[in-house]
Protein backbone atom coordinates (compact mmCIF):
# COMPACT_ATOMS: atom_id res chain seq x y z
CA PHE A 1 0.06 0.01 0.02
CA GLY A 2 2.86 2.40 -0.74
CA PRO A 3 2.35 5.78 -2.18
CA GLY A 4 3.75 4.72 -5.56
CA LEU A 5 1.08 2.03 -5.93
CA LEU A 6 -2.20 3.72 -4.94
CA ASP A 7 -3.70 7.14 -5.61
CA GLU A 8 -4.79 9.22 -2.64
CA ASN A 9 -8.47 7.92 -2.63
CA LYS A 10 -7.36 4.30 -2.87
CA ARG A 11 -4.90 4.69 -0.14
CA MET A 12 -7.54 6.10 2.13
CA TYR A 13 -9.76 3.16 1.42
CA ALA A 14 -6.88 0.65 1.94
CA VAL A 15 -6.31 2.25 5.38
CA LYS A 16 -9.94 1.88 6.23
CA ARG A 17 -10.01 -1.80 5.05
CA LEU A 18 -6.98 -2.57 7.44
CA ASP A 19 -8.61 -0.61 10.29
CA SER A 20 -11.65 -2.77 9.74
CA MET A 21 -9.53 -5.84 9.82
CA GLU A 22 -8.13 -4.80 13.15
CA ASN A 23 -11.60 -4.12 14.49
CA ALA A 24 -12.89 -7.48 13.29
CA ILE A 25 -10.04 -9.28 15.04
CA SER A 26 -10.71 -7.44 18.25
CA GLU A 27 -14.37 -8.34 18.12
CA LEU A 28 -13.38 -12.01 17.30
CA LYS A 29 -11.21 -12.10 20.38
CA GLY A 30 -13.97 -10.54 22.45
CA GLU A 31 -16.56 -13.02 21.24
CA LEU A 32 -14.44 -16.11 21.49
CA PRO A 33 -12.45 -15.79 24.66
CA ASP A 34 -12.88 -19.44 25.63
CA VAL A 35 -11.88 -20.61 22.17
CA ILE A 36 -8.74 -18.46 22.25
CA ASP A 37 -7.87 -19.56 25.77
CA GLU A 38 -8.12 -23.16 24.63
CA THR A 39 -6.33 -22.72 21.43
CA PHE A 40 -3.37 -20.54 22.57
CA GLY A 41 -3.09 -21.73 26.15
CA VAL A 42 -3.40 -18.30 27.75
CA SER A 43 -5.66 -16.97 30.49
CA SER A 44 -8.74 -14.81 29.95
CA ALA A 45 -6.89 -11.92 31.58
CA SER A 46 -4.34 -11.84 28.77
CA VAL A 47 -6.63 -12.63 25.80
CA GLY A 48 -6.21 -9.09 24.54
CA LYS A 49 -2.74 -9.91 23.44
CA LEU A 50 -2.84 -13.67 23.64
CA GLY A 51 -0.34 -13.63 26.46
CA VAL A 52 2.24 -11.31 24.87
CA ASN A 53 3.23 -8.85 27.51
CA ILE A 54 5.50 -6.03 26.31
CA GLY A 55 7.18 -3.50 28.66
CA LYS A 56 8.24 0.02 27.69
CA GLU A 57 11.95 -0.68 27.65
CA LYS A 58 12.28 -4.43 26.81
CA THR A 59 10.24 -7.17 25.20
CA THR A 60 9.11 -10.30 27.09
CA ARG A 61 9.02 -13.10 24.49
CA PRO A 62 5.46 -14.44 23.80
CA GLN A 63 4.74 -17.74 25.57
CA ALA A 64 2.30 -20.60 24.68
CA ASN A 65 2.05 -23.11 27.45
CA GLY A 66 5.45 -21.92 28.69
CA LYS A 67 7.15 -22.29 25.34
CA SER A 68 8.50 -19.32 23.23
CA PHE A 69 7.81 -18.91 19.57
CA HIS A 70 8.33 -16.64 16.58
CA ILE A 71 6.22 -16.31 13.46
CA PHE A 72 7.57 -15.44 9.96
CA GLN A 73 5.05 -14.11 7.55
CA ALA A 74 6.91 -15.40 4.53
CA SER A 75 5.57 -14.67 1.00
CA PRO A 76 6.42 -13.66 -2.45
CA PRO A 77 5.59 -9.99 -3.36
CA HIS A 78 2.10 -9.28 -4.57
CA THR A 79 0.25 -12.03 -2.80
CA ALA A 80 -1.98 -9.94 -0.40
CA SER A 81 0.58 -10.59 2.32
CA ALA A 82 -0.25 -7.16 3.95
CA VAL A 83 -3.71 -8.75 4.96
CA VAL A 84 -2.00 -11.74 6.48
CA THR A 85 0.56 -9.59 8.36
CA ASN A 86 -2.07 -7.23 9.75
CA TRP A 87 -4.22 -10.22 10.81
CA LEU A 88 -1.27 -11.81 12.58
CA MET A 89 -0.33 -8.67 14.32
CA GLY A 90 -3.94 -8.02 15.27
CA LEU A 91 -3.97 -11.48 16.99
CA PHE A 92 -0.76 -11.20 18.91
CA GLU A 93 0.42 -7.57 19.14
CA PRO A 94 -2.31 -5.20 18.14
CA ASP A 95 -0.54 -2.17 19.50
CA LYS A 96 2.64 -2.73 17.51
CA ASP A 97 3.89 -2.70 13.91
CA TYR A 98 5.46 -5.83 12.38
CA SER A 99 9.16 -6.00 11.60
CA PHE A 100 10.58 -6.68 8.16
CA MET A 101 13.64 -8.80 7.26
CA LEU A 102 15.73 -7.14 4.49
CA LYS A 103 17.26 -9.04 1.61
CA ASP A 104 20.85 -8.53 2.66
CA ARG A 105 23.59 -10.94 3.66
CA LYS A 106 22.96 -10.26 7.32
CA GLN A 107 19.23 -10.63 7.06
CA THR A 108 18.82 -7.41 8.88
CA VAL A 109 15.49 -6.94 10.68
CA ARG A 110 14.00 -3.40 10.51
CA ASN A 111 11.04 -1.76 12.23
CA HIS A 112 10.33 1.54 10.73
CA ASP A 113 13.76 3.23 10.51
CA LYS A 114 15.47 1.17 13.23
CA THR A 115 17.46 -2.13 13.16
CA VAL A 116 15.85 -4.39 15.74
CA ALA A 117 16.34 -7.87 17.28
CA ILE A 118 14.36 -10.69 15.83
CA ASP A 119 12.22 -11.00 19.12
CA SER A 120 11.31 -7.30 19.23
CA THR A 121 7.97 -8.38 17.63
CA VAL A 122 6.06 -11.68 17.44
CA VAL A 123 5.81 -11.36 13.62
CA THR A 124 8.55 -10.72 11.10
CA LYS A 125 7.68 -10.27 7.46
CA THR A 126 10.06 -11.58 4.75
CA HIS A 127 10.18 -12.36 1.06
CA ASN A 128 12.92 -15.00 1.61
CA PRO A 129 11.77 -18.28 0.11
CA ASP A 130 14.42 -20.43 1.95
CA LEU A 131 12.33 -21.22 4.93
CA MET A 132 14.69 -24.08 5.93
CA SER A 133 17.63 -21.78 6.35
CA LEU A 134 15.48 -19.30 8.36
CA TYR A 135 14.41 -22.22 10.58
CA LYS A 136 17.83 -23.36 11.18
CA GLN A 137 19.08 -19.94 11.91
CA TYR A 138 16.38 -18.91 14.38
CA ARG A 139 15.21 -22.15 15.89
CA PRO A 140 17.92 -22.16 18.54
CA GLN A 141 16.51 -18.93 19.86
CA PHE A 142 12.85 -20.16 20.29
CA ASP A 143 11.11 -23.29 21.24
CA GLU A 144 9.35 -23.20 17.83
CA VAL A 145 9.59 -21.06 14.60
CA LEU A 146 6.31 -20.93 12.54
CA PHE A 147 5.86 -19.77 9.06
CA VAL A 148 2.58 -18.38 7.51
CA VAL A 149 2.85 -18.17 3.67
CA SER A 150 0.59 -16.60 1.21
CA ASN A 151 0.69 -17.73 -2.43
CA ARG A 152 -0.88 -16.52 -5.57
CA GLY A 153 -1.71 -18.12 -8.92
CA TYR A 154 0.58 -20.59 -10.75
CA ASP A 155 3.54 -18.24 -11.52
CA PRO A 156 6.72 -19.49 -9.69
CA GLU A 157 7.42 -15.74 -8.95
CA THR A 158 4.32 -15.61 -6.74
CA ARG A 159 4.50 -18.99 -5.13
CA PHE A 160 6.89 -20.74 -2.74
CA ASP A 161 7.84 -24.41 -3.07
CA GLU A 162 4.63 -26.41 -2.51
CA SER A 163 6.61 -29.06 -0.58
CA LEU A 164 7.09 -26.52 2.17
CA CYS A 165 3.39 -26.57 2.94
CA GLU A 166 3.71 -30.20 4.10
CA TYR A 167 5.68 -29.28 7.26
CA ASP A 168 3.86 -29.03 10.46
CA ASN A 169 5.10 -25.52 11.25
CA VAL A 170 4.27 -24.07 7.76
CA LEU A 171 0.70 -22.76 7.06
CA CYS A 172 0.09 -21.93 3.38
CA LEU A 173 -2.69 -19.63 2.37
CA GLU A 174 -3.88 -18.88 -1.11
CA PHE A 175 -4.58 -15.44 -2.46
CA GLU A 176 -8.28 -16.12 -2.90
CA GLU A 177 -8.67 -16.78 0.86
CA LEU A 178 -7.55 -13.18 1.65
CA LEU A 179 -9.98 -11.31 -0.56
CA PHE A 180 -12.94 -9.42 0.57
CA SER A 181 -15.20 -7.10 -1.53
CA ASP A 182 -16.28 -4.83 1.35
CA THR A 183 -15.62 -4.30 5.07
CA SER A 184 -18.67 -6.51 6.09
CA GLU A 185 -16.77 -9.54 4.86
CA ILE A 186 -13.67 -8.81 7.03
CA SER A 187 -14.95 -10.75 10.20
CA ARG A 188 -15.48 -13.87 8.07
CA VAL A 189 -11.94 -13.61 6.63
CA ALA A 190 -10.32 -13.06 9.96
CA ASN A 191 -12.36 -15.92 11.53
CA ASP A 192 -11.50 -18.25 8.71
CA LEU A 193 -7.72 -17.44 8.90
CA THR A 194 -7.73 -17.88 12.71
CA GLN A 195 -9.42 -21.20 12.42
CA LYS A 196 -6.81 -22.35 9.90
CA PHE A 197 -4.06 -21.13 12.10
CA ALA A 198 -5.40 -22.89 15.21
CA GLU A 199 -5.91 -26.27 13.38
CA LYS A 200 -2.47 -26.17 11.61
CA PHE A 201 -0.51 -25.27 14.76
CA GLU A 202 -2.50 -27.29 17.21
CA TYR A 203 0.61 -29.50 17.73
CA PHE A 204 2.37 -26.56 19.34
CA PHE A 205 -0.27 -24.52 21.00
CA GLY A 206 -2.05 -27.57 22.17
């Protein structure tokens, strides 16, 4: 949704759609506290951030049943990954912005204009298709590393290797699952995505 891609009216509409997604997720968590408690293993008192407690000066790693985790939103460009990233942040850290991993040799992680640690946010967005190397690099820092991938069409440029979707810690979504024609459909999209997330990663969240 950068300035070079959308005119002013479309940018305003895009912002409204993402705001509506955030509201839908908040309503979903409010309506389904017991389901969220059961799915993510957190108490009702911390449903608002699914057990992620963040201080002003330092970050406490998110815990699920006493285990730490990190989520990579890993997708090729132009696959509606902005919807996926905002949905994930709405679930886990609604008051923060996601971090982005640059395509450099150091795999620098940035948040706005600052270089940050990988655990500064629950979700890191990346276009790196080598999920195995990411897993090997960051798994020693967490009890589990999860990947949520969005694919589009049949072009290899907009899809990751299909075999990756077979791993227990990789949830693959199709472009069509992320579309909505108006804001009234956002709750349905958020609910469907959350259900898929819970079912795919039940082995970890319990």
